[in-house]
Amino acid sequence: MTRMFLQVAAAALWSLAASAGAASLPTWEGWIVGGPCAEERRIADCPLRHIDQPVLLLASGEVRTFRYGDGSGIRQVDVDKGYGKKVRLTGEAPDGTIESVRFDLLEKTGERKFFKGCL
């Protein structure tokens, strides 16, 4: 009984330490767009042909690169879902490239409703 209590207590402390560590990491909010679109500050009209060179376009106009794929907190499917949408990346950028440990999609695609009033 005591051993199980100690395991639960250790897991709870580890969880608190992990969440406190993640909370102290810097965050960036912006839009995932292709490199050529970021140069022109285009968000909504960025064609999918540029998805192979994604960057994070911040509201200030600054462009940040980020790591994604194997060994990163951002998977290729996250880039696909977040392309052209507002996201939040949490992580570090020791060499100027964001190494994210967390990816949050801030802008969700709404469900389209059909309006019958025009018929």
PDB file of N, CA and C in Angstrom:
ATOM      1  N   MET A   1       0.824  -1.189   0.000  1.00  0.00           N
ATOM      2  CA  MET A   1       0.000   0.000   0.000  1.00  0.00           C
ATOM      3  C   MET A   1       0.871   1.256   0.000  1.00  0.00           C
ATOM      4  N   THR A   2       1.898   1.244   0.850  1.00  0.00           N
ATOM      5  CA  THR A   2       2.779   2.398   0.932  1.00  0.00           C
ATOM      6  C   THR A   2       3.546   2.582  -0.374  1.00  0.00           C
ATOM      7  N   ARG A   3       3.956   1.479  -0.967  1.00  0.00           N
ATOM      8  CA  ARG A   3       4.705   1.556  -2.227  1.00  0.00           C
ATOM      9  C   ARG A   3       3.843   2.168  -3.332  1.00  0.00           C
ATOM     10  N   MET A   4       2.579   1.776  -3.405  1.00  0.00           N
ATOM     11  CA  MET A   4       1.685   2.324  -4.419  1.00  0.00           C
ATOM     12  C   MET A   4       1.459   3.818  -4.177  1.00  0.00           C
ATOM     13  N   PHE A   5       1.340   4.218  -2.916  1.00  0.00           N
ATOM     14  CA  PHE A   5       1.173   5.629  -2.588  1.00  0.00           C
ATOM     15  C   PHE A   5       2.394   6.428  -3.030  1.00  0.00           C
ATOM     16  N   LEU A   6       3.580   5.889  -2.793  1.00  0.00           N
ATOM     17  CA  LEU A   6       4.805   6.577  -3.203  1.00  0.00           C
ATOM     18  C   LEU A   6       4.894   6.702  -4.721  1.00  0.00           C
ATOM     19  N   GLN A   7       4.468   5.674  -5.442  1.00  0.00           N
ATOM     20  CA  GLN A   7       4.486   5.736  -6.907  1.00  0.00           C
ATOM     21  C   GLN A   7       3.528   6.802  -7.419  1.00  0.00           C
ATOM     22  N   VAL A   8       2.351   6.872  -6.830  1.00  0.00           N
ATOM     23  CA  VAL A   8       1.368   7.882  -7.241  1.00  0.00           C
ATOM     24  C   VAL A   8       1.886   9.282  -6.913  1.00  0.00           C
ATOM     25  N   ALA A   9       2.472   9.440  -5.735  1.00  0.00           N
ATOM     26  CA  ALA A   9       3.010  10.741  -5.338  1.00  0.00           C
ATOM     27  C   ALA A   9       4.157  11.159  -6.257  1.00  0.00           C
ATOM     28  N   ALA A  10       5.025  10.219  -6.607  1.00  0.00           N
ATOM     29  CA  ALA A  10       6.134  10.528  -7.507  1.00  0.00           C
ATOM     30  C   ALA A  10       5.626  10.915  -8.891  1.00  0.00           C
ATOM     31  N   ALA A  11       4.617  10.217  -9.369  1.00  0.00           N
ATOM     32  CA  ALA A  11       4.038  10.548 -10.677  1.00  0.00           C
ATOM     33  C   ALA A  11       3.400  11.930 -10.652  1.00  0.00           C
ATOM     34  N   ALA A  12       2.733  12.275  -9.563  1.00  0.00           N
ATOM     35  CA  ALA A  12       2.102  13.592  -9.448  1.00  0.00           C
ATOM     36  C   ALA A  12       3.156  14.694  -9.422  1.00  0.00           C
ATOM     37  N   LEU A  13       4.235  14.488  -8.671  1.00  0.00           N
ATOM     38  CA  LEU A  13       5.309  15.481  -8.628  1.00  0.00           C
ATOM     39  C   LEU A  13       5.985  15.631  -9.982  1.00  0.00           C
ATOM     40  N   TRP A  14       6.202  14.530 -10.673  1.00  0.00           N
ATOM     41  CA  TRP A  14       6.816  14.585 -12.002  1.00  0.00           C
ATOM     42  C   TRP A  14       5.922  15.349 -12.965  1.00  0.00           C
ATOM     43  N   SER A  15       4.620  15.119 -12.875  1.00  0.00           N
ATOM     44  CA  SER A  15       3.658  15.804 -13.738  1.00  0.00           C
ATOM     45  C   SER A  15       3.663  17.303 -13.472  1.00  0.00           C
ATOM     46  N   LEU A  16       3.693  17.697 -12.210  1.00  0.00           N
ATOM     47  CA  LEU A  16       3.743  19.118 -11.868  1.00  0.00           C
ATOM     48  C   LEU A  16       5.030  19.759 -12.358  1.00  0.00           C
ATOM     49  N   ALA A  17       6.143  19.069 -12.198  1.00  0.00           N
ATOM     50  CA  ALA A  17       7.423  19.606 -12.655  1.00  0.00           C
ATOM     51  C   ALA A  17       7.447  19.754 -14.168  1.00  0.00           C
ATOM     52  N   ALA A  18       6.890  18.799 -14.871  1.00  0.00           N
ATOM     53  CA  ALA A  18       6.859  18.862 -16.335  1.00  0.00           C
ATOM     54  C   ALA A  18       5.983  20.010 -16.813  1.00  0.00           C
ATOM     55  N   SER A  19       4.834  20.204 -16.185  1.00  0.00           N
ATOM     56  CA  SER A  19       3.949  21.295 -16.611  1.00  0.00           C
ATOM     57  C   SER A  19       4.541  22.649 -16.249  1.00  0.00           C
ATOM     58  N   ALA A  20       5.246  22.741 -15.130  1.00  0.00           N
ATOM     59  CA  ALA A  20       5.890  24.000 -14.764  1.00  0.00           C
ATOM     60  C   ALA A  20       7.023  24.319 -15.722  1.00  0.00           C
ATOM     61  N   GLY A  21       7.756  23.298 -16.158  1.00  0.00           N
ATOM     62  CA  GLY A  21       8.839  23.513 -17.115  1.00  0.00           C
ATOM     63  C   GLY A  21       8.317  23.957 -18.461  1.00  0.00           C
ATOM     64  N   ALA A  22       7.214  23.384 -18.912  1.00  0.00           N
ATOM     65  CA  ALA A  22       6.634  23.763 -20.199  1.00  0.00           C
ATOM     66  C   ALA A  22       6.043  25.163 -20.135  1.00  0.00           C
ATOM     67  N   ALA A  23       5.544  25.558 -18.965  1.00  0.00           N
ATOM     68  CA  ALA A  23       4.943  26.879 -18.835  1.00  0.00           C
ATOM     69  C   ALA A  23       5.987  27.977 -18.926  1.00  0.00           C
ATOM     70  N   SER A  24       7.243  27.687 -18.591  1.00  0.00           N
ATOM     71  CA  SER A  24       8.281  28.708 -18.612  1.00  0.00           C
ATOM     72  C   SER A  24       8.943  28.845 -19.983  1.00  0.00           C
ATOM     73  N   LEU A  25       8.595  27.995 -20.926  1.00  0.00           N
ATOM     74  CA  LEU A  25       9.166  28.089 -22.267  1.00  0.00           C
ATOM     75  C   LEU A  25       8.505  29.221 -23.043  1.00  0.00           C
ATOM     76  N   PRO A  26       9.253  29.874 -23.932  1.00  0.00           N
ATOM     77  CA  PRO A  26       8.649  30.936 -24.745  1.00  0.00           C
ATOM     78  C   PRO A  26       7.642  30.383 -25.743  1.00  0.00           C
ATOM     79  N   THR A  27       6.686  31.221 -26.116  1.00  0.00           N
ATOM     80  CA  THR A  27       5.674  30.838 -27.096  1.00  0.00           C
ATOM     81  C   THR A  27       5.653  31.851 -28.233  1.00  0.00           C
ATOM     82  N   TRP A  28       5.264  31.372 -29.390  1.00  0.00           N
ATOM     83  CA  TRP A  28       5.107  32.216 -30.575  1.00  0.00           C
ATOM     84  C   TRP A  28       3.733  31.948 -31.156  1.00  0.00           C
ATOM     85  N   GLU A  29       3.007  33.011 -31.492  1.00  0.00           N
ATOM     86  CA  GLU A  29       1.713  32.871 -32.148  1.00  0.00           C
ATOM     87  C   GLU A  29       1.803  33.489 -33.529  1.00  0.00           C
ATOM     88  N   GLY A  30       1.295  32.765 -34.495  1.00  0.00           N
ATOM     89  CA  GLY A  30       1.317  33.261 -35.864  1.00  0.00           C
ATOM     90  C   GLY A  30       0.620  32.283 -36.780  1.00  0.00           C
ATOM     91  N   TRP A  31       0.894  32.412 -38.064  1.00  0.00           N
ATOM     92  CA  TRP A  31       0.252  31.579 -39.069  1.00  0.00           C
ATOM     93  C   TRP A  31       1.302  30.739 -39.769  1.00  0.00           C
ATOM     94  N   ILE A  32       1.000  29.474 -40.002  1.00  0.00           N
ATOM     95  CA  ILE A  32       1.894  28.625 -40.777  1.00  0.00           C
ATOM     96  C   ILE A  32       1.563  28.842 -42.245  1.00  0.00           C
ATOM     97  N   VAL A  33       2.540  29.360 -42.968  1.00  0.00           N
ATOM     98  CA  VAL A  33       2.382  29.612 -44.403  1.00  0.00           C
ATOM     99  C   VAL A  33       3.658  29.170 -45.105  1.00  0.00           C
ATOM    100  N   GLY A  34       3.631  29.144 -46.419  1.00  0.00           N
ATOM    101  CA  GLY A  34       4.823  28.833 -47.196  1.00  0.00           C
ATOM    102  C   GLY A  34       5.783  30.012 -47.199  1.00  0.00           C
ATOM    103  N   GLY A  35       7.060  29.728 -47.393  1.00  0.00           N
ATOM    104  CA  GLY A  35       8.081  30.767 -47.398  1.00  0.00           C
ATOM    105  C   GLY A  35       7.790  31.923 -48.349  1.00  0.00           C
ATOM    106  N   PRO A  36       7.442  31.649 -49.622  1.00  0.00           N
ATOM    107  CA  PRO A  36       7.143  32.747 -50.543  1.00  0.00           C
ATOM    108  C   PRO A  36       5.955  33.605 -50.090  1.00  0.00           C
ATOM    109  N   CYS A  37       4.968  32.999 -49.459  1.00  0.00           N
ATOM    110  CA  CYS A  37       3.805  33.755 -48.974  1.00  0.00           C
ATOM    111  C   CYS A  37       4.191  34.629 -47.784  1.00  0.00           C
ATOM    112  N   ALA A  38       5.098  34.153 -46.948  1.00  0.00           N
ATOM    113  CA  ALA A  38       5.534  34.932 -45.793  1.00  0.00           C
ATOM    114  C   ALA A  38       6.265  36.192 -46.243  1.00  0.00           C
ATOM    115  N   GLU A  39       7.040  36.089 -47.325  1.00  0.00           N
ATOM    116  CA  GLU A  39       7.745  37.263 -47.841  1.00  0.00           C
ATOM    117  C   GLU A  39       6.762  38.333 -48.297  1.00  0.00           C
ATOM    118  N   GLU A  40       5.607  37.906 -48.816  1.00  0.00           N
ATOM    119  CA  GLU A  40       4.583  38.836 -49.301  1.00  0.00           C
ATOM    120  C   GLU A  40       3.523  39.128 -48.246  1.00  0.00           C
ATOM    121  N   ARG A  41       3.641  38.543 -47.059  1.00  0.00           N
ATOM    122  CA  ARG A  41       2.684  38.688 -45.955  1.00  0.00           C
ATOM    123  C   ARG A  41       1.284  38.225 -46.351  1.00  0.00           C
ATOM    124  N   ARG A  42       1.215  37.146 -47.135  1.00  0.00           N
ATOM    125  CA  ARG A  42      -0.069  36.547 -47.528  1.00  0.00           C
ATOM    126  C   ARG A  42      -0.365  35.379 -46.603  1.00  0.00           C
ATOM    127  N   ILE A  43      -1.571  35.349 -46.069  1.00  0.00           N
ATOM    128  CA  ILE A  43      -1.949  34.254 -45.179  1.00  0.00           C
ATOM    129  C   ILE A  43      -3.035  33.400 -45.815  1.00  0.00           C
ATOM    130  N   ALA A  44      -4.154  34.002 -46.116  1.00  0.00           N
ATOM    131  CA  ALA A  44      -5.319  33.248 -46.583  1.00  0.00           C
ATOM    132  C   ALA A  44      -5.147  32.681 -47.986  1.00  0.00           C
ATOM    133  N   ASP A  45      -4.419  33.361 -48.836  1.00  0.00           N
ATOM    134  CA  ASP A  45      -4.309  32.946 -50.234  1.00  0.00           C
ATOM    135  C   ASP A  45      -2.999  32.233 -50.543  1.00  0.00           C
ATOM    136  N   CYS A  46      -2.402  31.593 -49.565  1.00  0.00           N
ATOM    137  CA  CYS A  46      -1.133  30.904 -49.800  1.00  0.00           C
ATOM    138  C   CYS A  46      -1.407  29.524 -50.399  1.00  0.00           C
ATOM    139  N   PRO A  47      -0.937  29.281 -51.627  1.00  0.00           N
ATOM    140  CA  PRO A  47      -1.229  27.994 -52.267  1.00  0.00           C
ATOM    141  C   PRO A  47      -0.530  26.823 -51.578  1.00  0.00           C
ATOM    142  N   LEU A  48      -1.136  25.667 -51.686  1.00  0.00           N
ATOM    143  CA  LEU A  48      -0.593  24.459 -51.052  1.00  0.00           C
ATOM    144  C   LEU A  48       0.718  24.000 -51.671  1.00  0.00           C
ATOM    145  N   ARG A  49       1.073  24.498 -52.823  1.00  0.00           N
ATOM    146  CA  ARG A  49       2.333  24.062 -53.435  1.00  0.00           C
ATOM    147  C   ARG A  49       3.549  24.509 -52.615  1.00  0.00           C
ATOM    148  N   HIS A  50       3.354  25.450 -51.683  1.00  0.00           N
ATOM    149  CA  HIS A  50       4.453  25.924 -50.837  1.00  0.00           C
ATOM    150  C   HIS A  50       4.507  25.208 -49.491  1.00  0.00           C
ATOM    151  N   ILE A  51       3.706  24.158 -49.307  1.00  0.00           N
ATOM    152  CA  ILE A  51       3.645  23.489 -48.005  1.00  0.00           C
ATOM    153  C   ILE A  51       4.954  22.772 -47.666  1.00  0.00           C
ATOM    154  N   ASP A  52       5.793  22.534 -48.667  1.00  0.00           N
ATOM    155  CA  ASP A  52       7.063  21.857 -48.404  1.00  0.00           C
ATOM    156  C   ASP A  52       8.101  22.786 -47.781  1.00  0.00           C
ATOM    157  N   GLN A  53       7.813  24.071 -47.664  1.00  0.00           N
ATOM    158  CA  GLN A  53       8.727  25.020 -47.034  1.00  0.00           C
ATOM    159  C   GLN A  53       7.971  25.903 -46.031  1.00  0.00           C
ATOM    160  N   PRO A  54       7.378  25.287 -44.991  1.00  0.00           N
ATOM    161  CA  PRO A  54       6.563  26.059 -44.056  1.00  0.00           C
ATOM    162  C   PRO A  54       7.402  26.918 -43.116  1.00  0.00           C
ATOM    163  N   VAL A  55       6.876  28.091 -42.794  1.00  0.00           N
ATOM    164  CA  VAL A  55       7.469  28.982 -41.804  1.00  0.00           C
ATOM    165  C   VAL A  55       6.337  29.535 -40.948  1.00  0.00           C
ATOM    166  N   LEU A  56       6.699  30.147 -39.832  1.00  0.00           N
ATOM    167  CA  LEU A  56       5.720  30.771 -38.954  1.00  0.00           C
ATOM    168  C   LEU A  56       5.779  32.272 -39.186  1.00  0.00           C
ATOM    169  N   LEU A  57       4.678  32.856 -39.654  1.00  0.00           N
ATOM    170  CA  LEU A  57       4.576  34.296 -39.874  1.00  0.00           C
ATOM    171  C   LEU A  57       3.907  34.904 -38.654  1.00  0.00           C
ATOM    172  N   LEU A  58       4.653  35.728 -37.909  1.00  0.00           N
ATOM    173  CA  LEU A  58       4.120  36.351 -36.706  1.00  0.00           C
ATOM    174  C   LEU A  58       3.300  37.582 -37.070  1.00  0.00           C
ATOM    175  N   ALA A  59       2.453  38.033 -36.154  1.00  0.00           N
ATOM    176  CA  ALA A  59       1.608  39.202 -36.402  1.00  0.00           C
ATOM    177  C   ALA A  59       2.455  40.453 -36.644  1.00  0.00           C
ATOM    178  N   SER A  60       3.649  40.498 -36.087  1.00  0.00           N
ATOM    179  CA  SER A  60       4.538  41.646 -36.276  1.00  0.00           C
ATOM    180  C   SER A  60       5.154  41.678 -37.668  1.00  0.00           C
ATOM    181  N   GLY A  61       4.979  40.611 -38.436  1.00  0.00           N
ATOM    182  CA  GLY A  61       5.578  40.528 -39.762  1.00  0.00           C
ATOM    183  C   GLY A  61       6.883  39.751 -39.769  1.00  0.00           C
ATOM    184  N   GLU A  62       7.367  39.388 -38.592  1.00  0.00           N
ATOM    185  CA  GLU A  62       8.599  38.605 -38.482  1.00  0.00           C
ATOM    186  C   GLU A  62       8.336  37.172 -38.941  1.00  0.00           C
ATOM    187  N   VAL A  63       9.311  36.592 -39.603  1.00  0.00           N
ATOM    188  CA  VAL A  63       9.194  35.218 -40.099  1.00  0.00           C
ATOM    189  C   VAL A  63      10.148  34.343 -39.297  1.00  0.00           C
ATOM    190  N   ARG A  64       9.637  33.244 -38.747  1.00  0.00           N
ATOM    191  CA  ARG A  64      10.455  32.307 -37.970  1.00  0.00           C
ATOM    192  C   ARG A  64      10.358  30.923 -38.582  1.00  0.00           C
ATOM    193  N   THR A  65      11.478  30.262 -38.697  1.00  0.00           N
ATOM    194  CA  THR A  65      11.473  28.871 -39.145  1.00  0.00           C
ATOM    195  C   THR A  65      11.297  27.974 -37.924  1.00  0.00           C
ATOM    196  N   PHE A  66      10.830  26.761 -38.150  1.00  0.00           N
ATOM    197  CA  PHE A  66      10.640  25.822 -37.048  1.00  0.00           C
ATOM    198  C   PHE A  66      10.939  24.415 -37.533  1.00  0.00           C
ATOM    199  N   ARG A  67      11.349  23.580 -36.585  1.00  0.00           N
ATOM    200  CA  ARG A  67      11.616  22.177 -36.897  1.00  0.00           C
ATOM    201  C   ARG A  67      10.319  21.387 -36.787  1.00  0.00           C
ATOM    202  N   TYR A  68      10.162  20.436 -37.691  1.00  0.00           N
ATOM    203  CA  TYR A  68       8.997  19.559 -37.649  1.00  0.00           C
ATOM    204  C   TYR A  68       9.398  18.210 -38.196  1.00  0.00           C
ATOM    205  N   GLY A  69       8.567  17.219 -37.920  1.00  0.00           N
ATOM    206  CA  GLY A  69       8.857  15.868 -38.389  1.00  0.00           C
ATOM    207  C   GLY A  69       9.444  15.024 -37.282  1.00  0.00           C
ATOM    208  N   ASP A  70      10.296  14.085 -37.650  1.00  0.00           N
ATOM    209  CA  ASP A  70      10.875  13.148 -36.687  1.00  0.00           C
ATOM    210  C   ASP A  70      11.675  13.881 -35.616  1.00  0.00           C
ATOM    211  N   GLY A  71      11.464  13.498 -34.367  1.00  0.00           N
ATOM    212  CA  GLY A  71      12.213  14.061 -33.254  1.00  0.00           C
ATOM    213  C   GLY A  71      11.768  15.454 -32.853  1.00  0.00           C
ATOM    214  N   SER A  72      10.613  15.880 -33.284  1.00  0.00           N
ATOM    215  CA  SER A  72      10.117  17.211 -32.962  1.00  0.00           C
ATOM    216  C   SER A  72       8.724  17.096 -32.361  1.00  0.00           C
ATOM    217  N   GLY A  73       8.301  18.163 -31.680  1.00  0.00           N
ATOM    218  CA  GLY A  73       6.959  18.193 -31.126  1.00  0.00           C
ATOM    219  C   GLY A  73       5.898  18.473 -32.180  1.00  0.00           C
ATOM    220  N   ILE A  74       6.331  18.795 -33.392  1.00  0.00           N
ATOM    221  CA  ILE A  74       5.402  19.075 -34.488  1.00  0.00           C
ATOM    222  C   ILE A  74       5.546  17.985 -35.534  1.00  0.00           C
ATOM    223  N   ARG A  75       4.454  17.310 -35.824  1.00  0.00           N
ATOM    224  CA  ARG A  75       4.470  16.269 -36.847  1.00  0.00           C
ATOM    225  C   ARG A  75       4.066  16.867 -38.190  1.00  0.00           C
ATOM    226  N   GLN A  76       4.323  16.147 -39.253  1.00  0.00           N
ATOM    227  CA  GLN A  76       3.927  16.609 -40.582  1.00  0.00           C
ATOM    228  C   GLN A  76       2.418  16.814 -40.660  1.00  0.00           C
ATOM    229  N   VAL A  77       1.653  15.957 -40.004  1.00  0.00           N
ATOM    230  CA  VAL A  77       0.194  16.096 -40.019  1.00  0.00           C
ATOM    231  C   VAL A  77      -0.236  17.388 -39.317  1.00  0.00           C
ATOM    232  N   ASP A  78       0.523  17.837 -38.306  1.00  0.00           N
ATOM    233  CA  ASP A  78       0.222  19.106 -37.643  1.00  0.00           C
ATOM    234  C   ASP A  78       0.432  20.277 -38.595  1.00  0.00           C
ATOM    235  N   VAL A  79       1.501  20.213 -39.376  1.00  0.00           N
ATOM    236  CA  VAL A  79       1.764  21.262 -40.364  1.00  0.00           C
ATOM    237  C   VAL A  79       0.642  21.286 -41.392  1.00  0.00           C
ATOM    238  N   ASP A  80       0.206  20.114 -41.829  1.00  0.00           N
ATOM    239  CA  ASP A  80      -0.887  20.040 -42.799  1.00  0.00           C
ATOM    240  C   ASP A  80      -2.175  20.643 -42.235  1.00  0.00           C
ATOM    241  N   LYS A  81      -2.496  20.323 -40.985  1.00  0.00           N
ATOM    242  CA  LYS A  81      -3.722  20.844 -40.367  1.00  0.00           C
ATOM    243  C   LYS A  81      -3.632  22.343 -40.100  1.00  0.00           C
ATOM    244  N   GLY A  82      -2.449  22.819 -39.761  1.00  0.00           N
ATOM    245  CA  GLY A  82      -2.284  24.221 -39.390  1.00  0.00           C
ATOM    246  C   GLY A  82      -1.923  25.147 -40.525  1.00  0.00           C
ATOM    247  N   TYR A  83      -1.761  24.627 -41.735  1.00  0.00           N
ATOM    248  CA  TYR A  83      -1.336  25.455 -42.866  1.00  0.00           C
ATOM    249  C   TYR A  83      -2.385  26.525 -43.162  1.00  0.00           C
ATOM    250  N   GLY A  84      -1.972  27.783 -43.107  1.00  0.00           N
ATOM    251  CA  GLY A  84      -2.872  28.903 -43.361  1.00  0.00           C
ATOM    252  C   GLY A  84      -3.727  29.281 -42.166  1.00  0.00           C
ATOM    253  N   LYS A  85      -3.476  28.659 -41.012  1.00  0.00           N
ATOM    254  CA  LYS A  85      -4.277  28.928 -39.818  1.00  0.00           C
ATOM    255  C   LYS A  85      -3.381  29.466 -38.707  1.00  0.00           C
ATOM    256  N   LYS A  86      -4.009  30.105 -37.737  1.00  0.00           N
ATOM    257  CA  LYS A  86      -3.271  30.649 -36.603  1.00  0.00           C
ATOM    258  C   LYS A  86      -2.931  29.525 -35.633  1.00  0.00           C
ATOM    259  N   VAL A  87      -1.672  29.487 -35.200  1.00  0.00           N
ATOM    260  CA  VAL A  87      -1.187  28.446 -34.300  1.00  0.00           C
ATOM    261  C   VAL A  87      -0.341  29.075 -33.196  1.00  0.00           C
ATOM    262  N   ARG A  88      -0.076  28.285 -32.164  1.00  0.00           N
ATOM    263  CA  ARG A  88       0.850  28.674 -31.104  1.00  0.00           C
ATOM    264  C   ARG A  88       1.897  27.585 -30.984  1.00  0.00           C
ATOM    265  N   LEU A  89       3.164  27.972 -31.045  1.00  0.00           N
ATOM    266  CA  LEU A  89       4.266  27.038 -30.861  1.00  0.00           C
ATOM    267  C   LEU A  89       4.943  27.361 -29.540  1.00  0.00           C
ATOM    268  N   THR A  90       5.188  26.348 -28.737  1.00  0.00           N
ATOM    269  CA  THR A  90       5.876  26.503 -27.463  1.00  0.00           C
ATOM    270  C   THR A  90       7.162  25.706 -27.540  1.00  0.00           C
ATOM    271  N   GLY A  91       8.261  26.336 -27.193  1.00  0.00           N
ATOM    272  CA  GLY A  91       9.546  25.653 -27.248  1.00  0.00           C
ATOM    273  C   GLY A  91      10.683  26.639 -27.110  1.00  0.00           C
ATOM    274  N   GLU A  92      11.835  26.249 -27.582  1.00  0.00           N
ATOM    275  CA  GLU A  92      13.017  27.098 -27.515  1.00  0.00           C
ATOM    276  C   GLU A  92      13.526  27.364 -28.918  1.00  0.00           C
ATOM    277  N   ALA A  93      14.301  28.430 -29.047  1.00  0.00           N
ATOM    278  CA  ALA A  93      14.898  28.775 -30.338  1.00  0.00           C
ATOM    279  C   ALA A  93      16.358  29.151 -30.124  1.00  0.00           C
ATOM    280  N   PRO A  94      17.200  28.163 -29.774  1.00  0.00           N
ATOM    281  CA  PRO A  94      18.593  28.486 -29.461  1.00  0.00           C
ATOM    282  C   PRO A  94      19.386  29.025 -30.652  1.00  0.00           C
ATOM    283  N   ASP A  95      19.102  28.535 -31.840  1.00  0.00           N
ATOM    284  CA  ASP A  95      19.841  28.987 -33.027  1.00  0.00           C
ATOM    285  C   ASP A  95      18.955  29.789 -33.978  1.00  0.00           C
ATOM    286  N   GLY A  96      17.823  30.291 -33.481  1.00  0.00           N
ATOM    287  CA  GLY A  96      16.906  31.054 -34.316  1.00  0.00           C
ATOM    288  C   GLY A  96      15.790  30.226 -34.912  1.00  0.00           C
ATOM    289  N   THR A  97      15.946  28.909 -34.920  1.00  0.00           N
ATOM    290  CA  THR A  97      14.908  28.008 -35.413  1.00  0.00           C
ATOM    291  C   THR A  97      14.143  27.466 -34.214  1.00  0.00           C
ATOM    292  N   ILE A  98      12.828  27.589 -34.247  1.00  0.00           N
ATOM    293  CA  ILE A  98      12.003  27.152 -33.119  1.00  0.00           C
ATOM    294  C   ILE A  98      12.007  25.629 -33.048  1.00  0.00           C
ATOM    295  N   GLU A  99      12.386  25.103 -31.897  1.00  0.00           N
ATOM    296  CA  GLU A  99      12.313  23.668 -31.630  1.00  0.00           C
ATOM    297  C   GLU A  99      11.147  23.478 -30.671  1.00  0.00           C
ATOM    298  N   SER A 100      10.000  23.208 -31.234  1.00  0.00           N
ATOM    299  CA  SER A 100       8.759  23.204 -30.475  1.00  0.00           C
ATOM    300  C   SER A 100       8.560  21.904 -29.710  1.00  0.00           C
ATOM    301  N   VAL A 101       8.030  22.052 -28.506  1.00  0.00           N
ATOM    302  CA  VAL A 101       7.635  20.889 -27.719  1.00  0.00           C
ATOM    303  C   VAL A 101       6.120  20.793 -27.644  1.00  0.00           C
ATOM    304  N   ARG A 102       5.449  21.856 -28.105  1.00  0.00           N
ATOM    305  CA  ARG A 102       3.987  21.852 -28.084  1.00  0.00           C
ATOM    306  C   ARG A 102       3.453  22.641 -29.271  1.00  0.00           C
ATOM    307  N   PHE A 103       2.399  22.111 -29.872  1.00  0.00           N
ATOM    308  CA  PHE A 103       1.739  22.727 -31.021  1.00  0.00           C
ATOM    309  C   PHE A 103       0.263  22.878 -30.688  1.00  0.00           C
ATOM    310  N   ASP A 104      -0.255  24.104 -30.751  1.00  0.00           N
ATOM    311  CA  ASP A 104      -1.678  24.350 -30.488  1.00  0.00           C
ATOM    312  C   ASP A 104      -2.290  25.032 -31.700  1.00  0.00           C
ATOM    313  N   LEU A 105      -3.359  24.463 -32.209  1.00  0.00           N
ATOM    314  CA  LEU A 105      -4.098  25.053 -33.320  1.00  0.00           C
ATOM    315  C   LEU A 105      -5.110  26.021 -32.723  1.00  0.00           C
ATOM    316  N   LEU A 106      -4.957  27.325 -33.001  1.00  0.00           N
ATOM    317  CA  LEU A 106      -5.818  28.338 -32.404  1.00  0.00           C
ATOM    318  C   LEU A 106      -7.034  28.657 -33.259  1.00  0.00           C
ATOM    319  N   GLU A 107      -6.928  28.431 -34.540  1.00  0.00           N
ATOM    320  CA  GLU A 107      -8.007  28.759 -35.468  1.00  0.00           C
ATOM    321  C   GLU A 107      -8.537  27.469 -36.056  1.00  0.00           C
ATOM    322  N   LYS A 108      -9.763  27.191 -35.787  1.00  0.00           N
ATOM    323  CA  LYS A 108     -10.359  25.959 -36.296  1.00  0.00           C
ATOM    324  C   LYS A 108     -11.245  26.288 -37.487  1.00  0.00           C
ATOM    325  N   THR A 109     -11.302  25.391 -38.423  1.00  0.00           N
ATOM    326  CA  THR A 109     -12.163  25.567 -39.576  1.00  0.00           C
ATOM    327  C   THR A 109     -13.592  25.299 -39.140  1.00  0.00           C
ATOM    328  N   GLY A 110     -14.450  26.252 -39.386  1.00  0.00           N
ATOM    329  CA  GLY A 110     -15.839  26.117 -38.959  1.00  0.00           C
ATOM    330  C   GLY A 110     -16.630  25.204 -39.872  1.00  0.00           C
ATOM    331  N   GLU A 111     -17.685  24.687 -39.326  1.00  0.00           N
ATOM    332  CA  GLU A 111     -18.576  23.839 -40.109  1.00  0.00           C
ATOM    333  C   GLU A 111     -19.410  24.746 -41.005  1.00  0.00           C
ATOM    334  N   ARG A 112     -19.492  24.426 -42.265  1.00  0.00           N
ATOM    335  CA  ARG A 112     -20.262  25.246 -43.198  1.00  0.00           C
ATOM    336  C   ARG A 112     -21.733  24.873 -43.104  1.00  0.00           C
ATOM    337  N   LYS A 113     -22.550  25.894 -43.080  1.00  0.00           N
ATOM    338  CA  LYS A 113     -23.994  25.676 -43.011  1.00  0.00           C
ATOM    339  C   LYS A 113     -24.610  26.154 -44.311  1.00  0.00           C
ATOM    340  N   PHE A 114     -25.570  25.423 -44.764  1.00  0.00           N
ATOM    341  CA  PHE A 114     -26.253  25.767 -46.002  1.00  0.00           C
ATOM    342  C   PHE A 114     -27.432  26.673 -45.666  1.00  0.00           C
ATOM    343  N   PHE A 115     -27.480  27.825 -46.305  1.00  0.00           N
ATOM    344  CA  PHE A 115     -28.561  28.776 -46.081  1.00  0.00           C
ATOM    345  C   PHE A 115     -29.563  28.657 -47.213  1.00  0.00           C
ATOM    346  N   LYS A 116     -30.796  28.297 -46.888  1.00  0.00           N
ATOM    347  CA  LYS A 116     -31.819  28.056 -47.908  1.00  0.00           C
ATOM    348  C   LYS A 116     -32.533  29.332 -48.349  1.00  0.00           C
ATOM    349  N   GLY A 117     -32.207  30.452 -47.762  1.00  0.00           N
ATOM    350  CA  GLY A 117     -32.908  31.689 -48.069  1.00  0.00           C
ATOM    351  C   GLY A 117     -32.726  32.169 -49.495  1.00  0.00           C
ATOM    352  N   CYS A 118     -31.684  31.730 -50.161  1.00  0.00           N
ATOM    353  CA  CYS A 118     -31.416  32.179 -51.527  1.00  0.00           C
ATOM    354  C   CYS A 118     -32.125  31.333 -52.572  1.00  0.00           C
ATOM    355  N   LEU A 119     -32.757  30.266 -52.180  1.00  0.00           N
ATOM    356  CA  LEU A 119     -33.403  29.389 -53.158  1.00  0.00           C
ATOM    357  C   LEU A 119     -34.786  29.833 -53.516  1.00  0.00           C
TER     358      LEU A 119
END
